[in-house]
PDB file of N, CA and C in Angstrom:
ATOM      1  N   UNK A   1      22.181-238.240 -21.301  1.00  0.00           N
ATOM      2  CA  UNK A   1      21.009-238.833 -20.603  1.00  0.00           C
ATOM      3  C   UNK A   1      21.536-239.984 -19.924  1.00  0.00           C
ATOM      4  N   UNK A   2      21.387-240.211 -18.717  1.00  0.00           N
ATOM      5  CA  UNK A   2      21.861-241.309 -17.930  1.00  0.00           C
ATOM      6  C   UNK A   2      20.912-242.485 -17.890  1.00  0.00           C
ATOM      7  N   UNK A   3      21.499-243.634 -18.213  1.00  0.00           N
ATOM      8  CA  UNK A   3      20.848-245.033 -18.446  1.00  0.00           C
ATOM      9  C   UNK A   3      21.367-245.967 -17.426  1.00  0.00           C
ATOM     10  N   UNK A   4      20.242-246.796 -17.121  1.00  0.00           N
ATOM     11  CA  UNK A   4      20.577-247.948 -16.196  1.00  0.00           C
ATOM     12  C   UNK A   4      21.446-249.047 -16.714  1.00  0.00           C
ATOM     13  N   UNK A   5      20.984-249.348 -18.073  1.00  0.00           N
ATOM     14  CA  UNK A   5      21.458-250.400 -18.930  1.00  0.00           C
ATOM     15  C   UNK A   5      21.592-250.025 -20.273  1.00  0.00           C
ATOM     16  N   UNK A   6      22.476-250.467 -21.188  1.00  0.00           N
ATOM     17  CA  UNK A   6      22.754-250.128 -22.481  1.00  0.00           C
ATOM     18  C   UNK A   6      22.521-251.578 -23.250  1.00  0.00           C
ATOM     19  N   UNK A   7      21.867-251.343 -24.440  1.00  0.00           N
ATOM     20  CA  UNK A   7      21.668-252.506 -25.320  1.00  0.00           C
ATOM     21  C   UNK A   7      22.137-252.119 -26.613  1.00  0.00           C
ATOM     22  N   UNK A   8      23.055-252.857 -27.247  1.00  0.00           N
ATOM     23  CA  UNK A   8      23.739-252.559 -28.517  1.00  0.00           C
ATOM     24  C   UNK A   8      23.138-253.308 -29.518  1.00  0.00           C
ATOM     25  N   UNK A   9      22.370-252.575 -30.436  1.00  0.00           N
ATOM     26  CA  UNK A   9      21.789-253.122 -31.611  1.00  0.00           C
ATOM     27  C   UNK A   9      22.265-252.771 -33.014  1.00  0.00           C
ATOM     28  N   UNK A  10      23.555-252.150 -32.928  1.00  0.00           N
ATOM     29  CA  UNK A  10      24.137-251.730 -34.052  1.00  0.00           C
ATOM     30  C   UNK A  10      24.438-252.933 -35.074  1.00  0.00           C
ATOM     31  N   UNK A  11      24.100-252.730 -36.188  1.00  0.00           N
ATOM     32  CA  UNK A  11      24.402-253.718 -37.139  1.00  0.00           C
ATOM     33  C   UNK A  11      22.923-254.612 -37.563  1.00  0.00           C
ATOM     34  N   UNK A  12      22.057-254.177 -36.675  1.00  0.00           N
ATOM     35  CA  UNK A  12      20.723-254.891 -36.787  1.00  0.00           C
ATOM     36  C   UNK A  12      19.643-253.899 -37.661  1.00  0.00           C
ATOM     37  N   UNK A  13      18.610-254.535 -38.137  1.00  0.00           N
ATOM     38  CA  UNK A  13      17.655-253.601 -38.580  1.00  0.00           C
ATOM     39  C   UNK A  13      16.296-254.191 -38.190  1.00  0.00           C
ATOM     40  N   UNK A  14      15.206-253.289 -38.347  1.00  0.00           N
ATOM     41  CA  UNK A  14      13.887-253.560 -37.981  1.00  0.00           C
ATOM     42  C   UNK A  14      13.400-255.017 -38.432  1.00  0.00           C
ATOM     43  N   UNK A  15      12.896-255.575 -37.489  1.00  0.00           N
ATOM     44  CA  UNK A  15      12.287-255.405 -36.207  1.00  0.00           C
ATOM     45  C   UNK A  15      13.256-255.756 -34.998  1.00  0.00           C
ATOM     46  N   UNK A  16      14.481-256.133 -35.336  1.00  0.00           N
ATOM     47  CA  UNK A  16      15.381-256.593 -34.277  1.00  0.00           C
ATOM     48  C   UNK A  16      15.506-255.716 -32.990  1.00  0.00           C
ATOM     49  N   UNK A  17      15.949-254.439 -33.427  1.00  0.00           N
ATOM     50  CA  UNK A  17      16.134-253.511 -32.028  1.00  0.00           C
ATOM     51  C   UNK A  17      14.921-253.477 -31.253  1.00  0.00           C
ATOM     52  N   UNK A  18      13.732-253.623 -31.803  1.00  0.00           N
ATOM     53  CA  UNK A  18      12.522-253.354 -30.824  1.00  0.00           C
ATOM     54  C   UNK A  18      12.333-254.701 -30.163  1.00  0.00           C
ATOM     55  N   UNK A  19      12.603-255.741 -30.851  1.00  0.00           N
ATOM     56  CA  UNK A  19      12.279-257.203 -30.346  1.00  0.00           C
ATOM     57  C   UNK A  19      13.255-257.344 -29.149  1.00  0.00           C
ATOM     58  N   UNK A  20      14.523-257.070 -29.398  1.00  0.00           N
ATOM     59  CA  UNK A  20      15.642-257.134 -28.462  1.00  0.00           C
ATOM     60  C   UNK A  20      15.217-256.241 -27.143  1.00  0.00           C
ATOM     61  N   UNK A  21      14.792-254.931 -27.530  1.00  0.00           N
ATOM     62  CA  UNK A  21      14.348-253.978 -26.370  1.00  0.00           C
ATOM     63  C   UNK A  21      13.398-254.664 -25.637  1.00  0.00           C
ATOM     64  N   UNK A  22      12.394-255.279 -26.047  1.00  0.00           N
ATOM     65  CA  UNK A  22      11.128-255.831 -25.279  1.00  0.00           C
ATOM     66  C   UNK A  22      11.759-256.846 -24.483  1.00  0.00           C
ATOM     67  N   UNK A  23      12.943-257.561 -24.989  1.00  0.00           N
ATOM     68  CA  UNK A  23      13.437-258.673 -24.023  1.00  0.00           C
ATOM     69  C   UNK A  23      14.161-258.060 -22.899  1.00  0.00           C
ATOM     70  N   UNK A  24      14.932-257.083 -23.313  1.00  0.00           N
ATOM     71  CA  UNK A  24      15.879-256.557 -22.244  1.00  0.00           C
ATOM     72  C   UNK A  24      14.916-255.992 -21.281  1.00  0.00           C
ATOM     73  N   UNK A  25      13.931-255.168 -21.588  1.00  0.00           N
ATOM     74  CA  UNK A  25      13.265-254.453 -20.444  1.00  0.00           C
ATOM     75  C   UNK A  25      12.444-255.353 -19.559  1.00  0.00           C
ATOM     76  N   UNK A  26      12.182-256.631 -20.073  1.00  0.00           N
ATOM     77  CA  UNK A  26      11.858-257.520 -18.944  1.00  0.00           C
ATOM     78  C   UNK A  26      12.763-257.690 -17.673  1.00  0.00           C
ATOM     79  N   UNK A  27      13.993-257.504 -17.852  1.00  0.00           N
ATOM     80  CA  UNK A  27      15.086-257.738 -17.020  1.00  0.00           C
ATOM     81  C   UNK A  27      15.389-256.538 -15.935  1.00  0.00           C
ATOM     82  N   UNK A  28      14.722-255.394 -16.475  1.00  0.00           N
ATOM     83  CA  UNK A  28      15.003-254.232 -15.664  1.00  0.00           C
ATOM     84  C   UNK A  28      13.614-253.931 -14.656  1.00  0.00           C
ATOM     85  N   UNK A  29      13.960-253.125 -13.681  1.00  0.00           N
ATOM     86  CA  UNK A  29      12.726-252.801 -12.759  1.00  0.00           C
ATOM     87  C   UNK A  29      11.949-251.503 -13.161  1.00  0.00           C
ATOM     88  N   UNK A  30      10.625-251.504 -12.854  1.00  0.00           N
ATOM     89  CA  UNK A  30       9.940-250.380 -13.304  1.00  0.00           C
ATOM     90  C   UNK A  30      10.771-248.984 -12.982  1.00  0.00           C
ATOM     91  N   UNK A  31      10.609-248.088 -13.859  1.00  0.00           N
ATOM     92  CA  UNK A  31      11.220-246.756 -13.808  1.00  0.00           C
ATOM     93  C   UNK A  31      12.692-246.648 -14.279  1.00  0.00           C
ATOM     94  N   UNK A  32      13.369-247.939 -14.511  1.00  0.00           N
ATOM     95  CA  UNK A  32      14.665-247.875 -14.989  1.00  0.00           C
ATOM     96  C   UNK A  32      14.722-247.474 -16.524  1.00  0.00           C
ATOM     97  N   UNK A  33      15.776-246.963 -16.810  1.00  0.00           N
ATOM     98  CA  UNK A  33      16.017-246.414 -18.219  1.00  0.00           C
ATOM     99  C   UNK A  33      17.082-247.272 -19.017  1.00  0.00           C
ATOM    100  N   UNK A  34      16.638-247.658 -20.073  1.00  0.00           N
ATOM    101  CA  UNK A  34      17.369-248.507 -21.008  1.00  0.00           C
ATOM    102  C   UNK A  34      17.783-247.692 -22.192  1.00  0.00           C
ATOM    103  N   UNK A  35      19.049-247.580 -22.645  1.00  0.00           N
ATOM    104  CA  UNK A  35      19.541-246.948 -23.819  1.00  0.00           C
ATOM    105  C   UNK A  35      19.754-248.027 -24.807  1.00  0.00           C
ATOM    106  N   UNK A  36      19.226-247.638 -25.934  1.00  0.00           N
ATOM    107  CA  UNK A  36      19.372-248.730 -27.168  1.00  0.00           C
ATOM    108  C   UNK A  36      20.171-247.889 -28.335  1.00  0.00           C
ATOM    109  N   UNK A  37      21.312-248.609 -28.557  1.00  0.00           N
ATOM    110  CA  UNK A  37      22.063-248.121 -29.556  1.00  0.00           C
ATOM    111  C   UNK A  37      21.708-248.865 -30.918  1.00  0.00           C
ATOM    112  N   UNK A  38      21.661-248.136 -31.817  1.00  0.00           N
ATOM    113  CA  UNK A  38      21.234-248.559 -33.343  1.00  0.00           C
ATOM    114  C   UNK A  38      21.815-247.758 -34.330  1.00  0.00           C
ATOM    115  N   UNK A  39      22.051-248.290 -35.692  1.00  0.00           N
ATOM    116  CA  UNK A  39      22.475-247.513 -36.675  1.00  0.00           C
ATOM    117  C   UNK A  39      21.499-247.539 -37.725  1.00  0.00           C
ATOM    118  N   UNK A  40      20.210-247.958 -37.625  1.00  0.00           N
ATOM    119  CA  UNK A  40      19.206-248.065 -38.490  1.00  0.00           C
ATOM    120  C   UNK A  40      18.128-246.729 -38.150  1.00  0.00           C
ATOM    121  N   UNK A  41      18.277-245.891 -39.031  1.00  0.00           N
ATOM    122  CA  UNK A  41      17.600-244.644 -38.790  1.00  0.00           C
ATOM    123  C   UNK A  41      16.106-244.897 -38.429  1.00  0.00           C
ATOM    124  N   UNK A  42      15.460-245.956 -38.815  1.00  0.00           N
ATOM    125  CA  UNK A  42      14.069-246.337 -38.565  1.00  0.00           C
ATOM    126  C   UNK A  42      13.718-246.324 -36.951  1.00  0.00           C
ATOM    127  N   UNK A  43      14.725-246.512 -36.269  1.00  0.00           N
ATOM    128  CA  UNK A  43      14.512-246.653 -34.812  1.00  0.00           C
ATOM    129  C   UNK A  43      13.850-245.048 -34.303  1.00  0.00           C
ATOM    130  N   UNK A  44      14.161-244.151 -35.107  1.00  0.00           N
ATOM    131  CA  UNK A  44      13.592-242.780 -34.645  1.00  0.00           C
ATOM    132  C   UNK A  44      12.174-242.765 -34.699  1.00  0.00           C
ATOM    133  N   UNK A  45      11.547-243.465 -35.495  1.00  0.00           N
ATOM    134  CA  UNK A  45      10.027-243.686 -35.479  1.00  0.00           C
ATOM    135  C   UNK A  45       9.454-244.909 -34.942  1.00  0.00           C
ATOM    136  N   UNK A  46      10.338-245.819 -35.106  1.00  0.00           N
ATOM    137  CA  UNK A  46       9.741-247.306 -34.305  1.00  0.00           C
ATOM    138  C   UNK A  46       9.651-247.184 -32.967  1.00  0.00           C
ATOM    139  N   UNK A  47      10.855-246.728 -32.254  1.00  0.00           N
ATOM    140  CA  UNK A  47      10.820-246.748 -30.704  1.00  0.00           C
ATOM    141  C   UNK A  47       9.802-245.828 -30.056  1.00  0.00           C
ATOM    142  N   UNK A  48       9.596-244.601 -30.578  1.00  0.00           N
ATOM    143  CA  UNK A  48       8.420-243.909 -29.945  1.00  0.00           C
ATOM    144  C   UNK A  48       7.202-244.673 -30.116  1.00  0.00           C
ATOM    145  N   UNK A  49       6.990-245.161 -31.382  1.00  0.00           N
ATOM    146  CA  UNK A  49       5.596-245.813 -31.598  1.00  0.00           C
ATOM    147  C   UNK A  49       5.386-247.125 -30.889  1.00  0.00           C
ATOM    148  N   UNK A  50       6.489-247.933 -30.642  1.00  0.00           N
ATOM    149  CA  UNK A  50       6.388-249.061 -29.883  1.00  0.00           C
ATOM    150  C   UNK A  50       6.094-248.774 -28.309  1.00  0.00           C
ATOM    151  N   UNK A  51       6.823-247.590 -27.850  1.00  0.00           N
ATOM    152  CA  UNK A  51       6.613-247.245 -26.549  1.00  0.00           C
ATOM    153  C   UNK A  51       5.169-246.974 -26.207  1.00  0.00           C
ATOM    154  N   UNK A  52       4.696-246.137 -27.245  1.00  0.00           N
ATOM    155  CA  UNK A  52       3.284-245.774 -26.942  1.00  0.00           C
ATOM    156  C   UNK A  52       2.317-246.889 -26.951  1.00  0.00           C
ATOM    157  N   UNK A  53       2.541-247.860 -27.914  1.00  0.00           N
ATOM    158  CA  UNK A  53       1.686-249.058 -27.780  1.00  0.00           C
ATOM    159  C   UNK A  53       1.989-250.003 -26.462  1.00  0.00           C
ATOM    160  N   UNK A  54       3.188-249.985 -25.989  1.00  0.00           N
ATOM    161  CA  UNK A  54       3.385-250.861 -24.770  1.00  0.00           C
ATOM    162  C   UNK A  54       3.299-250.191 -23.384  1.00  0.00           C
ATOM    163  N   UNK A  55       3.098-248.875 -23.587  1.00  0.00           N
ATOM    164  CA  UNK A  55       2.967-247.990 -22.314  1.00  0.00           C
ATOM    165  C   UNK A  55       4.277-247.621 -21.629  1.00  0.00           C
ATOM    166  N   UNK A  56       5.188-248.052 -22.192  1.00  0.00           N
ATOM    167  CA  UNK A  56       6.767-247.387 -21.761  1.00  0.00           C
ATOM    168  C   UNK A  56       6.843-246.134 -22.306  1.00  0.00           C
ATOM    169  N   UNK A  57       7.734-245.486 -21.596  1.00  0.00           N
ATOM    170  CA  UNK A  57       8.011-243.986 -22.048  1.00  0.00           C
ATOM    171  C   UNK A  57       9.303-243.803 -22.828  1.00  0.00           C
ATOM    172  N   UNK A  58       9.202-243.146 -24.137  1.00  0.00           N
ATOM    173  CA  UNK A  58      10.412-242.937 -24.815  1.00  0.00           C
ATOM    174  C   UNK A  58      10.818-241.483 -24.466  1.00  0.00           C
ATOM    175  N   UNK A  59      11.831-241.457 -23.842  1.00  0.00           N
ATOM    176  CA  UNK A  59      12.521-240.314 -23.364  1.00  0.00           C
ATOM    177  C   UNK A  59      13.240-239.541 -24.346  1.00  0.00           C
ATOM    178  N   UNK A  60      13.321-240.147 -25.526  1.00  0.00           N
ATOM    179  CA  UNK A  60      14.040-239.284 -26.653  1.00  0.00           C
ATOM    180  C   UNK A  60      14.954-240.151 -27.422  1.00  0.00           C
ATOM    181  N   UNK A  61      15.302-239.675 -28.724  1.00  0.00           N
ATOM    182  CA  UNK A  61      16.025-240.602 -29.587  1.00  0.00           C
ATOM    183  C   UNK A  61      17.135-239.315 -29.946  1.00  0.00           C
ATOM    184  N   UNK A  62      18.481-239.653 -29.910  1.00  0.00           N
ATOM    185  CA  UNK A  62      19.552-238.751 -30.276  1.00  0.00           C
ATOM    186  C   UNK A  62      20.633-239.387 -31.352  1.00  0.00           C
ATOM    187  N   UNK A  63      20.980-238.696 -32.342  1.00  0.00           N
ATOM    188  CA  UNK A  63      21.921-239.207 -33.376  1.00  0.00           C
ATOM    189  C   UNK A  63      23.351-238.486 -32.861  1.00  0.00           C
ATOM    190  N   UNK A  64      24.221-239.526 -32.688  1.00  0.00           N
ATOM    191  CA  UNK A  64      25.744-238.999 -32.516  1.00  0.00           C
ATOM    192  C   UNK A  64      26.650-239.837 -33.366  1.00  0.00           C
ATOM    193  N   UNK A  65      27.173-239.286 -34.271  1.00  0.00           N
ATOM    194  CA  UNK A  65      28.214-239.942 -35.252  1.00  0.00           C
ATOM    195  C   UNK A  65      27.656-241.054 -35.947  1.00  0.00           C
ATOM    196  N   UNK A  66      26.414-240.935 -36.331  1.00  0.00           N
ATOM    197  CA  UNK A  66      25.655-242.094 -37.102  1.00  0.00           C
ATOM    198  C   UNK A  66      25.043-243.027 -36.318  1.00  0.00           C
ATOM    199  N   UNK A  67      25.071-243.022 -34.951  1.00  0.00           N
ATOM    200  CA  UNK A  67      24.540-243.950 -34.191  1.00  0.00           C
ATOM    201  C   UNK A  67      23.515-243.288 -33.336  1.00  0.00           C
ATOM    202  N   UNK A  68      22.370-243.975 -33.335  1.00  0.00           N
ATOM    203  CA  UNK A  68      21.248-243.415 -32.734  1.00  0.00           C
ATOM    204  C   UNK A  68      21.000-244.032 -31.235  1.00  0.00           C
ATOM    205  N   UNK A  69      20.835-243.207 -30.237  1.00  0.00           N
ATOM    206  CA  UNK A  69      20.637-243.682 -28.973  1.00  0.00           C
ATOM    207  C   UNK A  69      19.199-243.163 -28.483  1.00  0.00           C
ATOM    208  N   UNK A  70      18.554-244.485 -28.421  1.00  0.00           N
ATOM    209  CA  UNK A  70      17.177-244.435 -27.850  1.00  0.00           C
ATOM    210  C   UNK A  70      17.022-244.714 -26.350  1.00  0.00           C
ATOM    211  N   UNK A  71      16.080-243.823 -25.747  1.00  0.00           N
ATOM    212  CA  UNK A  71      16.202-243.997 -24.262  1.00  0.00           C
ATOM    213  C   UNK A  71      14.762-244.291 -23.873  1.00  0.00           C
ATOM    214  N   UNK A  72      14.676-245.473 -23.223  1.00  0.00           N
ATOM    215  CA  UNK A  72      13.318-246.096 -22.848  1.00  0.00           C
ATOM    216  C   UNK A  72      13.197-246.116 -21.389  1.00  0.00           C
ATOM    217  N   UNK A  73      12.106-245.631 -20.753  1.00  0.00           N
ATOM    218  CA  UNK A  73      11.984-245.793 -19.335  1.00  0.00           C
ATOM    219  C   UNK A  73      10.850-246.851 -19.169  1.00  0.00           C
ATOM    220  N   UNK A  74      11.134-247.846 -18.489  1.00  0.00           N
ATOM    221  CA  UNK A  74      10.088-248.856 -18.156  1.00  0.00           C
ATOM    222  C   UNK A  74       9.066-248.519 -17.470  1.00  0.00           C
ATOM    223  N   UNK A  75       7.745-248.834 -18.010  1.00  0.00           N
ATOM    224  CA  UNK A  75       6.368-248.457 -17.105  1.00  0.00           C
ATOM    225  C   UNK A  75       6.441-249.053 -15.781  1.00  0.00           C
ATOM    226  N   UNK A  76       5.650-248.501 -15.054  1.00  0.00           N
ATOM    227  CA  UNK A  76       5.360-248.916 -13.531  1.00  0.00           C
ATOM    228  C   UNK A  76       5.839-248.009 -12.678  1.00  0.00           C
TER     229      UNK A  76
END
């Protein structure tokens, strides 16, 4: 999946990836896609839930070699 920006949260645990995602999305324009990298499996549930709560769109979460790639499309 093509992302406009990538945020590396590897080595951090809940709630840090979500907090950092919220901060980073403020820098993006509506409709842009942010790829969030994490090694905490919790992101597979946390990111879709957070997106639903905030109105952003979770485009999916994929696992590759122990790293989770979550894709978030900024609302608007």
